[in-house]
Amino acid sequence: MPTALYYRCIDMDTVVVSSKYQIVIPQNVRKRIDLKPGQKIVIIEKDGVIHLIPQKPIREMRGFLKGIDTSQLRDEEDRF
């Protein structure tokens, strides 16, 4: 990596939407995120941007929030 500020690789590909509104996730992306056939994907649309997020088994999620700072998640004014 050319700079110390570069901390993550971003992959970008172009795909075509079929007449059945299907897309093919490129092989390099499938390998990078370890996507398996039959795996469920959560689709989120926000402000015209579509995010595809692989759903993981709950056992794999254990501990993924360890050490998170929860002080900024919600203001006290949000409470009833």
N, C-alpha and C. Protein backbone atom coordinates (compact mmCIF):
# COMPACT_ATOMS: atom_id res chain seq x y z
N MET A 1 0.84 -1.17 0.00
CA MET A 1 0.00 0.00 0.00
C MET A 1 0.89 1.25 0.00
N PRO A 2 0.58 2.22 -0.81
CA PRO A 2 1.45 3.39 -0.96
C PRO A 2 1.47 4.34 0.21
N THR A 3 0.44 4.37 1.03
CA THR A 3 0.41 5.33 2.12
C THR A 3 -0.11 4.70 3.40
N ALA A 4 0.31 5.23 4.52
CA ALA A 4 -0.12 4.70 5.81
C ALA A 4 -1.59 5.00 6.07
N LEU A 5 -2.14 6.00 5.37
CA LEU A 5 -3.54 6.34 5.58
C LEU A 5 -4.49 5.36 4.88
N TYR A 6 -3.97 4.61 3.93
CA TYR A 6 -4.78 3.64 3.21
C TYR A 6 -4.96 2.41 4.09
N TYR A 7 -6.18 2.18 4.56
CA TYR A 7 -6.39 1.11 5.52
C TYR A 7 -7.30 0.01 5.00
N ARG A 8 -7.86 0.18 3.81
CA ARG A 8 -8.83 -0.80 3.35
C ARG A 8 -8.90 -0.76 1.83
N CYS A 9 -8.99 -1.91 1.23
CA CYS A 9 -9.07 -2.00 -0.23
C CYS A 9 -10.54 -1.94 -0.65
N ILE A 10 -10.82 -1.14 -1.66
CA ILE A 10 -12.18 -1.01 -2.16
C ILE A 10 -12.22 -1.60 -3.56
N ASP A 11 -13.14 -2.53 -3.76
CA ASP A 11 -13.34 -3.15 -5.06
C ASP A 11 -14.55 -2.53 -5.72
N MET A 12 -14.44 -2.24 -7.01
CA MET A 12 -15.57 -1.66 -7.72
C MET A 12 -15.68 -2.33 -9.09
N ASP A 13 -16.85 -2.84 -9.39
CA ASP A 13 -17.13 -3.47 -10.66
C ASP A 13 -18.47 -2.98 -11.18
N THR A 14 -18.70 -3.16 -12.46
CA THR A 14 -19.97 -2.82 -13.07
C THR A 14 -20.68 -4.12 -13.44
N VAL A 15 -21.95 -4.22 -13.10
CA VAL A 15 -22.76 -5.38 -13.45
C VAL A 15 -23.99 -4.91 -14.21
N VAL A 16 -24.64 -5.83 -14.89
CA VAL A 16 -25.82 -5.52 -15.68
C VAL A 16 -27.03 -6.17 -15.02
N VAL A 17 -28.12 -5.43 -14.91
CA VAL A 17 -29.36 -5.95 -14.37
C VAL A 17 -30.08 -6.67 -15.50
N SER A 18 -30.45 -7.94 -15.26
CA SER A 18 -31.12 -8.72 -16.30
C SER A 18 -32.59 -8.31 -16.42
N SER A 19 -33.27 -8.87 -17.40
CA SER A 19 -34.70 -8.58 -17.59
C SER A 19 -35.54 -9.06 -16.41
N LYS A 20 -34.96 -9.97 -15.61
CA LYS A 20 -35.64 -10.46 -14.39
C LYS A 20 -35.14 -9.72 -13.15
N TYR A 21 -34.45 -8.61 -13.34
CA TYR A 21 -33.89 -7.79 -12.26
C TYR A 21 -32.88 -8.56 -11.42
N GLN A 22 -32.12 -9.42 -12.04
CA GLN A 22 -31.08 -10.18 -11.36
C GLN A 22 -29.72 -9.60 -11.73
N ILE A 23 -28.77 -9.75 -10.80
CA ILE A 23 -27.38 -9.36 -11.08
C ILE A 23 -26.48 -10.53 -10.69
N VAL A 24 -25.27 -10.54 -11.24
CA VAL A 24 -24.27 -11.53 -10.87
C VAL A 24 -23.20 -10.80 -10.08
N ILE A 25 -22.93 -11.28 -8.86
CA ILE A 25 -21.88 -10.68 -8.04
C ILE A 25 -20.54 -11.18 -8.59
N PRO A 26 -19.63 -10.28 -8.96
CA PRO A 26 -18.37 -10.70 -9.56
C PRO A 26 -17.58 -11.66 -8.67
N GLN A 27 -16.86 -12.57 -9.31
CA GLN A 27 -16.13 -13.61 -8.60
C GLN A 27 -15.14 -13.04 -7.59
N ASN A 28 -14.42 -11.98 -7.96
CA ASN A 28 -13.44 -11.43 -7.02
C ASN A 28 -14.11 -10.90 -5.75
N VAL A 29 -15.31 -10.37 -5.86
CA VAL A 29 -16.05 -9.89 -4.69
C VAL A 29 -16.55 -11.08 -3.87
N ARG A 30 -17.09 -12.10 -4.55
CA ARG A 30 -17.59 -13.30 -3.85
C ARG A 30 -16.48 -13.94 -3.03
N LYS A 31 -15.28 -14.04 -3.62
CA LYS A 31 -14.16 -14.65 -2.90
C LYS A 31 -13.72 -13.79 -1.72
N ARG A 32 -13.68 -12.49 -1.94
CA ARG A 32 -13.19 -11.58 -0.90
C ARG A 32 -14.07 -11.59 0.34
N ILE A 33 -15.40 -11.70 0.14
CA ILE A 33 -16.30 -11.70 1.29
C ILE A 33 -16.76 -13.10 1.66
N ASP A 34 -16.17 -14.10 1.01
CA ASP A 34 -16.45 -15.51 1.30
C ASP A 34 -17.95 -15.82 1.18
N LEU A 35 -18.55 -15.37 0.09
CA LEU A 35 -19.97 -15.59 -0.17
C LEU A 35 -20.17 -17.00 -0.71
N LYS A 36 -21.15 -17.70 -0.16
CA LYS A 36 -21.44 -19.08 -0.55
C LYS A 36 -22.79 -19.16 -1.26
N PRO A 37 -22.96 -20.12 -2.18
CA PRO A 37 -24.25 -20.30 -2.83
C PRO A 37 -25.34 -20.60 -1.79
N GLY A 38 -26.48 -19.96 -1.93
CA GLY A 38 -27.59 -20.16 -1.00
C GLY A 38 -27.54 -19.26 0.23
N GLN A 39 -26.44 -18.54 0.42
CA GLN A 39 -26.32 -17.65 1.58
C GLN A 39 -27.27 -16.48 1.40
N LYS A 40 -27.90 -16.05 2.48
CA LYS A 40 -28.83 -14.92 2.43
C LYS A 40 -28.08 -13.60 2.48
N ILE A 41 -28.64 -12.62 1.78
CA ILE A 41 -28.05 -11.29 1.73
C ILE A 41 -29.12 -10.27 2.11
N VAL A 42 -28.79 -9.36 3.00
CA VAL A 42 -29.69 -8.27 3.38
C VAL A 42 -29.48 -7.14 2.38
N ILE A 43 -30.57 -6.60 1.85
CA ILE A 43 -30.49 -5.49 0.90
C ILE A 43 -31.04 -4.24 1.56
N ILE A 44 -30.23 -3.19 1.59
CA ILE A 44 -30.63 -1.92 2.18
C ILE A 44 -30.49 -0.84 1.13
N GLU A 45 -31.54 -0.07 0.92
CA GLU A 45 -31.48 1.07 0.01
C GLU A 45 -31.57 2.35 0.84
N LYS A 46 -30.64 3.25 0.63
CA LYS A 46 -30.65 4.51 1.35
C LYS A 46 -30.18 5.60 0.40
N ASP A 47 -31.03 6.58 0.19
CA ASP A 47 -30.72 7.73 -0.66
C ASP A 47 -30.23 7.30 -2.05
N GLY A 48 -30.87 6.27 -2.62
CA GLY A 48 -30.54 5.83 -3.96
C GLY A 48 -29.32 4.93 -4.07
N VAL A 49 -28.74 4.55 -2.94
CA VAL A 49 -27.58 3.66 -2.92
C VAL A 49 -28.03 2.31 -2.37
N ILE A 50 -27.69 1.23 -3.06
CA ILE A 50 -28.07 -0.12 -2.62
C ILE A 50 -26.86 -0.77 -1.96
N HIS A 51 -27.07 -1.27 -0.75
CA HIS A 51 -26.03 -2.00 -0.02
C HIS A 51 -26.45 -3.46 0.06
N LEU A 52 -25.54 -4.37 -0.28
CA LEU A 52 -25.78 -5.80 -0.16
C LEU A 52 -24.90 -6.31 0.97
N ILE A 53 -25.54 -6.83 2.02
CA ILE A 53 -24.79 -7.24 3.21
C ILE A 53 -25.04 -8.72 3.47
N PRO A 54 -23.99 -9.56 3.38
CA PRO A 54 -24.17 -10.99 3.63
C PRO A 54 -24.63 -11.22 5.07
N GLN A 55 -25.66 -12.04 5.21
CA GLN A 55 -26.14 -12.39 6.54
C GLN A 55 -25.24 -13.50 7.08
N LYS A 56 -24.83 -13.38 8.31
CA LYS A 56 -23.95 -14.37 8.91
C LYS A 56 -24.68 -15.10 10.02
N PRO A 57 -24.30 -16.35 10.26
CA PRO A 57 -24.90 -17.08 11.39
C PRO A 57 -24.62 -16.35 12.70
N ILE A 58 -25.57 -16.40 13.61
CA ILE A 58 -25.46 -15.67 14.88
C ILE A 58 -24.21 -16.07 15.65
N ARG A 59 -23.78 -17.31 15.53
CA ARG A 59 -22.56 -17.75 16.24
C ARG A 59 -21.32 -16.99 15.76
N GLU A 60 -21.29 -16.64 14.47
CA GLU A 60 -20.15 -15.88 13.95
C GLU A 60 -20.16 -14.43 14.44
N MET A 61 -21.31 -13.94 14.87
CA MET A 61 -21.43 -12.55 15.30
C MET A 61 -21.02 -12.36 16.76
N ARG A 62 -20.85 -13.44 17.48
CA ARG A 62 -20.50 -13.33 18.90
C ARG A 62 -19.21 -12.53 19.09
N GLY A 63 -19.32 -11.48 19.90
CA GLY A 63 -18.15 -10.68 20.25
C GLY A 63 -17.78 -9.60 19.25
N PHE A 64 -18.55 -9.42 18.17
CA PHE A 64 -18.14 -8.44 17.17
C PHE A 64 -18.27 -7.00 17.66
N LEU A 65 -18.99 -6.76 18.75
CA LEU A 65 -19.11 -5.42 19.31
C LEU A 65 -18.21 -5.21 20.53
N LYS A 66 -17.37 -6.15 20.81
CA LYS A 66 -16.50 -6.06 21.97
C LYS A 66 -15.67 -4.78 21.92
N GLY A 67 -15.73 -4.00 22.98
CA GLY A 67 -14.93 -2.79 23.08
C GLY A 67 -15.57 -1.56 22.45
N ILE A 68 -16.81 -1.67 21.98
CA ILE A 68 -17.46 -0.53 21.33
C ILE A 68 -17.80 0.55 22.37
N ASP A 69 -17.67 1.80 21.98
CA ASP A 69 -18.03 2.92 22.84
C ASP A 69 -19.51 3.20 22.66
N THR A 70 -20.32 2.89 23.67
CA THR A 70 -21.77 3.05 23.57
C THR A 70 -22.25 4.42 24.04
N SER A 71 -21.35 5.27 24.45
CA SER A 71 -21.77 6.57 24.99
C SER A 71 -22.39 7.48 23.93
N GLN A 72 -22.06 7.31 22.66
CA GLN A 72 -22.56 8.18 21.61
C GLN A 72 -23.67 7.54 20.77
N LEU A 73 -24.17 6.39 21.19
CA LEU A 73 -25.21 5.73 20.40
C LEU A 73 -26.56 6.42 20.46
N ARG A 74 -26.89 6.97 21.61
CA ARG A 74 -28.21 7.60 21.76
C ARG A 74 -28.14 8.70 22.81
N ASP A 75 -28.78 9.81 22.51
CA ASP A 75 -28.83 10.90 23.48
C ASP A 75 -29.87 10.61 24.54
N GLU A 76 -29.66 11.15 25.71
CA GLU A 76 -30.63 10.99 26.78
C GLU A 76 -31.96 11.63 26.43
N GLU A 77 -31.96 12.66 25.57
CA GLU A 77 -33.19 13.32 25.17
C GLU A 77 -34.10 12.41 24.33
N ASP A 78 -33.54 11.35 23.77
CA ASP A 78 -34.33 10.42 22.94
C ASP A 78 -35.29 9.58 23.78
N ARG A 79 -35.11 9.57 25.05
CA ARG A 79 -35.95 8.74 25.91
C ARG A 79 -37.27 9.42 26.22
N PHE A 80 -38.28 8.62 26.47
CA PHE A 80 -39.61 9.17 26.81
C PHE A 80 -39.68 9.54 28.26
